Amino acid sequence: MKNESKRATIYFDPKLLRALQLKAVETESSVSAIVSKAIKTYLSEDAEDLAAFEERAKEPGVSFEQVLKKLKRDGKI
């Protein structure tokens, strides 16, 4: 499948945009590449979280009351 980029307009705080532009120059990259990488990282973290939730979905639940009782029994509270 062909990698097609689409244009989008994003509004940045002027100081943030300046920092982003300086980072782009420093890393010999483009603002677009930096923003795209940041978004991919952000979305992949969400995907990892969802996978962890799914993996743990079959674990038995523990009520808040049970946790408090255990903490008290263990002398933690």
N, C-alpha and C. Protein backbone atom coordinates (compact mmCIF):
# COMPACT_ATOMS: atom_id res chain seq x y z
N MET A 1 0.83 -1.17 0.00
CA MET A 1 0.00 0.00 0.00
C MET A 1 0.89 1.25 0.00
N LYS A 2 0.55 2.21 -0.83
CA LYS A 2 1.33 3.42 -0.98
C LYS A 2 1.18 4.31 0.26
N ASN A 3 2.31 4.85 0.73
CA ASN A 3 2.30 5.75 1.88
C ASN A 3 1.90 7.15 1.42
N GLU A 4 0.67 7.53 1.66
CA GLU A 4 0.20 8.85 1.26
C GLU A 4 0.08 9.75 2.47
N SER A 5 0.69 10.92 2.38
CA SER A 5 0.57 11.90 3.44
C SER A 5 -0.57 12.85 3.12
N LYS A 6 -1.26 13.28 4.15
CA LYS A 6 -2.35 14.24 4.01
C LYS A 6 -1.98 15.50 4.76
N ARG A 7 -2.43 16.60 4.27
CA ARG A 7 -2.16 17.89 4.89
C ARG A 7 -3.21 18.18 5.95
N ALA A 8 -2.76 18.78 7.06
CA ALA A 8 -3.65 19.21 8.13
C ALA A 8 -3.14 20.53 8.68
N THR A 9 -4.04 21.33 9.16
CA THR A 9 -3.65 22.59 9.78
C THR A 9 -3.69 22.40 11.29
N ILE A 10 -2.59 22.71 11.94
CA ILE A 10 -2.49 22.60 13.39
C ILE A 10 -2.05 23.95 13.92
N TYR A 11 -2.71 24.41 14.96
CA TYR A 11 -2.36 25.70 15.57
C TYR A 11 -1.55 25.45 16.83
N PHE A 12 -0.39 26.11 16.91
CA PHE A 12 0.49 25.99 18.06
C PHE A 12 0.63 27.33 18.75
N ASP A 13 0.88 27.29 20.04
CA ASP A 13 1.31 28.47 20.76
C ASP A 13 2.60 28.94 20.08
N PRO A 14 2.76 30.23 19.86
CA PRO A 14 3.95 30.72 19.14
C PRO A 14 5.28 30.26 19.74
N LYS A 15 5.38 30.21 21.05
CA LYS A 15 6.63 29.78 21.68
C LYS A 15 6.87 28.29 21.45
N LEU A 16 5.81 27.52 21.49
CA LEU A 16 5.93 26.09 21.24
C LEU A 16 6.34 25.84 19.79
N LEU A 17 5.75 26.58 18.87
CA LEU A 17 6.11 26.44 17.47
C LEU A 17 7.57 26.80 17.25
N ARG A 18 8.04 27.85 17.90
CA ARG A 18 9.44 28.25 17.76
C ARG A 18 10.37 27.14 18.26
N ALA A 19 10.02 26.56 19.39
CA ALA A 19 10.83 25.46 19.93
C ALA A 19 10.82 24.27 18.96
N LEU A 20 9.67 24.00 18.39
CA LEU A 20 9.54 22.91 17.43
C LEU A 20 10.39 23.17 16.18
N GLN A 21 10.37 24.40 15.71
CA GLN A 21 11.17 24.76 14.54
C GLN A 21 12.66 24.64 14.83
N LEU A 22 13.07 25.07 16.02
CA LEU A 22 14.48 24.95 16.39
C LEU A 22 14.90 23.49 16.50
N LYS A 23 14.00 22.67 17.06
CA LYS A 23 14.28 21.22 17.16
C LYS A 23 14.43 20.61 15.78
N ALA A 24 13.57 21.04 14.86
CA ALA A 24 13.64 20.52 13.49
C ALA A 24 14.98 20.86 12.84
N VAL A 25 15.44 22.09 13.02
CA VAL A 25 16.72 22.50 12.46
C VAL A 25 17.85 21.70 13.11
N GLU A 26 17.79 21.60 14.44
CA GLU A 26 18.84 20.92 15.19
C GLU A 26 18.96 19.45 14.80
N THR A 27 17.83 18.81 14.52
CA THR A 27 17.83 17.38 14.20
C THR A 27 17.80 17.10 12.70
N GLU A 28 17.91 18.19 11.91
CA GLU A 28 17.86 18.06 10.44
C GLU A 28 16.61 17.29 10.01
N SER A 29 15.51 17.66 10.62
CA SER A 29 14.22 17.04 10.35
C SER A 29 13.23 18.13 9.97
N SER A 30 11.99 17.76 9.80
CA SER A 30 10.95 18.76 9.53
C SER A 30 9.98 18.80 10.70
N VAL A 31 9.30 19.92 10.84
CA VAL A 31 8.28 20.04 11.87
C VAL A 31 7.25 18.93 11.67
N SER A 32 6.88 18.70 10.44
CA SER A 32 5.90 17.66 10.13
C SER A 32 6.36 16.29 10.61
N ALA A 33 7.63 15.96 10.38
CA ALA A 33 8.15 14.65 10.80
C ALA A 33 8.16 14.53 12.32
N ILE A 34 8.52 15.60 13.00
CA ILE A 34 8.55 15.57 14.47
C ILE A 34 7.14 15.40 15.03
N VAL A 35 6.19 16.16 14.50
CA VAL A 35 4.80 16.06 14.96
C VAL A 35 4.25 14.67 14.66
N SER A 36 4.52 14.18 13.47
CA SER A 36 4.03 12.85 13.10
C SER A 36 4.58 11.77 14.02
N LYS A 37 5.87 11.84 14.33
CA LYS A 37 6.49 10.87 15.24
C LYS A 37 5.87 10.96 16.63
N ALA A 38 5.64 12.19 17.10
CA ALA A 38 5.05 12.39 18.44
C ALA A 38 3.64 11.80 18.49
N ILE A 39 2.87 11.99 17.44
CA ILE A 39 1.51 11.46 17.41
C ILE A 39 1.53 9.93 17.37
N LYS A 40 2.43 9.37 16.58
CA LYS A 40 2.54 7.90 16.52
C LYS A 40 2.91 7.34 17.89
N THR A 41 3.83 7.99 18.58
CA THR A 41 4.22 7.56 19.92
C THR A 41 3.04 7.64 20.87
N TYR A 42 2.32 8.74 20.83
CA TYR A 42 1.16 8.96 21.69
C TYR A 42 0.10 7.88 21.45
N LEU A 43 -0.18 7.60 20.19
CA LEU A 43 -1.20 6.60 19.87
C LEU A 43 -0.74 5.19 20.20
N SER A 44 0.56 4.91 20.02
CA SER A 44 1.05 3.56 20.35
C SER A 44 0.98 3.31 21.85
N GLU A 45 1.18 4.36 22.66
CA GLU A 45 1.03 4.21 24.11
C GLU A 45 -0.41 3.84 24.46
N ASP A 46 -1.36 4.47 23.78
CA ASP A 46 -2.77 4.12 23.99
C ASP A 46 -3.02 2.67 23.60
N ALA A 47 -2.44 2.24 22.49
CA ALA A 47 -2.62 0.86 22.04
C ALA A 47 -2.04 -0.12 23.06
N GLU A 48 -0.89 0.21 23.64
CA GLU A 48 -0.28 -0.64 24.66
C GLU A 48 -1.17 -0.72 25.89
N ASP A 49 -1.74 0.42 26.29
CA ASP A 49 -2.64 0.44 27.44
C ASP A 49 -3.87 -0.44 27.19
N LEU A 50 -4.44 -0.32 26.01
CA LEU A 50 -5.63 -1.12 25.68
C LEU A 50 -5.29 -2.61 25.67
N ALA A 51 -4.12 -2.95 25.16
CA ALA A 51 -3.70 -4.35 25.15
C ALA A 51 -3.53 -4.86 26.58
N ALA A 52 -2.98 -4.05 27.46
CA ALA A 52 -2.81 -4.45 28.86
C ALA A 52 -4.15 -4.63 29.54
N PHE A 53 -5.10 -3.74 29.27
CA PHE A 53 -6.44 -3.87 29.84
C PHE A 53 -7.08 -5.17 29.36
N GLU A 54 -6.95 -5.45 28.08
CA GLU A 54 -7.54 -6.67 27.51
C GLU A 54 -6.91 -7.91 28.12
N GLU A 55 -5.59 -7.87 28.29
CA GLU A 55 -4.86 -9.01 28.86
C GLU A 55 -5.30 -9.28 30.29
N ARG A 56 -5.61 -8.22 31.04
CA ARG A 56 -5.95 -8.37 32.44
C ARG A 56 -7.45 -8.49 32.68
N ALA A 57 -8.25 -8.45 31.63
CA ALA A 57 -9.71 -8.44 31.77
C ALA A 57 -10.24 -9.69 32.47
N LYS A 58 -9.54 -10.80 32.32
CA LYS A 58 -10.01 -12.06 32.90
C LYS A 58 -9.52 -12.28 34.34
N GLU A 59 -8.69 -11.37 34.83
CA GLU A 59 -8.22 -11.49 36.21
C GLU A 59 -9.39 -11.23 37.17
N PRO A 60 -9.39 -11.92 38.28
CA PRO A 60 -10.47 -11.68 39.24
C PRO A 60 -10.39 -10.26 39.81
N GLY A 61 -11.54 -9.67 40.00
CA GLY A 61 -11.59 -8.32 40.55
C GLY A 61 -11.39 -8.32 42.06
N VAL A 62 -10.91 -7.23 42.57
CA VAL A 62 -10.72 -7.06 44.01
C VAL A 62 -11.43 -5.77 44.39
N SER A 63 -12.27 -5.86 45.38
CA SER A 63 -13.01 -4.67 45.80
C SER A 63 -12.13 -3.77 46.65
N PHE A 64 -12.51 -2.51 46.72
CA PHE A 64 -11.79 -1.55 47.55
C PHE A 64 -11.81 -2.00 49.01
N GLU A 65 -12.93 -2.53 49.42
CA GLU A 65 -13.07 -3.02 50.81
C GLU A 65 -12.06 -4.13 51.08
N GLN A 66 -11.88 -5.05 50.14
CA GLN A 66 -10.92 -6.14 50.31
C GLN A 66 -9.49 -5.60 50.43
N VAL A 67 -9.19 -4.60 49.63
CA VAL A 67 -7.85 -4.01 49.66
C VAL A 67 -7.62 -3.36 51.02
N LEU A 68 -8.60 -2.61 51.49
CA LEU A 68 -8.45 -1.96 52.80
C LEU A 68 -8.27 -2.98 53.92
N LYS A 69 -9.04 -4.06 53.88
CA LYS A 69 -8.92 -5.10 54.91
C LYS A 69 -7.52 -5.72 54.90
N LYS A 70 -6.99 -5.97 53.69
CA LYS A 70 -5.66 -6.56 53.58
C LYS A 70 -4.60 -5.59 54.09
N LEU A 71 -4.73 -4.32 53.76
CA LEU A 71 -3.78 -3.32 54.24
C LEU A 71 -3.79 -3.25 55.77
N LYS A 72 -4.99 -3.30 56.32
CA LYS A 72 -5.12 -3.25 57.78
C LYS A 72 -4.53 -4.51 58.42
N ARG A 73 -4.85 -5.67 57.82
CA ARG A 73 -4.34 -6.95 58.33
C ARG A 73 -2.81 -7.00 58.27
N ASP A 74 -2.22 -6.39 57.23
CA ASP A 74 -0.76 -6.39 57.07
C ASP A 74 -0.08 -5.27 57.84
N GLY A 75 -0.88 -4.50 58.57
CA GLY A 75 -0.32 -3.41 59.39
C GLY A 75 0.14 -2.21 58.57
N LYS A 76 -0.36 -2.07 57.38
CA LYS A 76 0.03 -0.95 56.53
C LYS A 76 -0.77 0.31 56.85
N ILE A 77 -1.98 0.11 57.36
CA ILE A 77 -2.81 1.26 57.77
C ILE A 77 -3.40 1.00 59.14
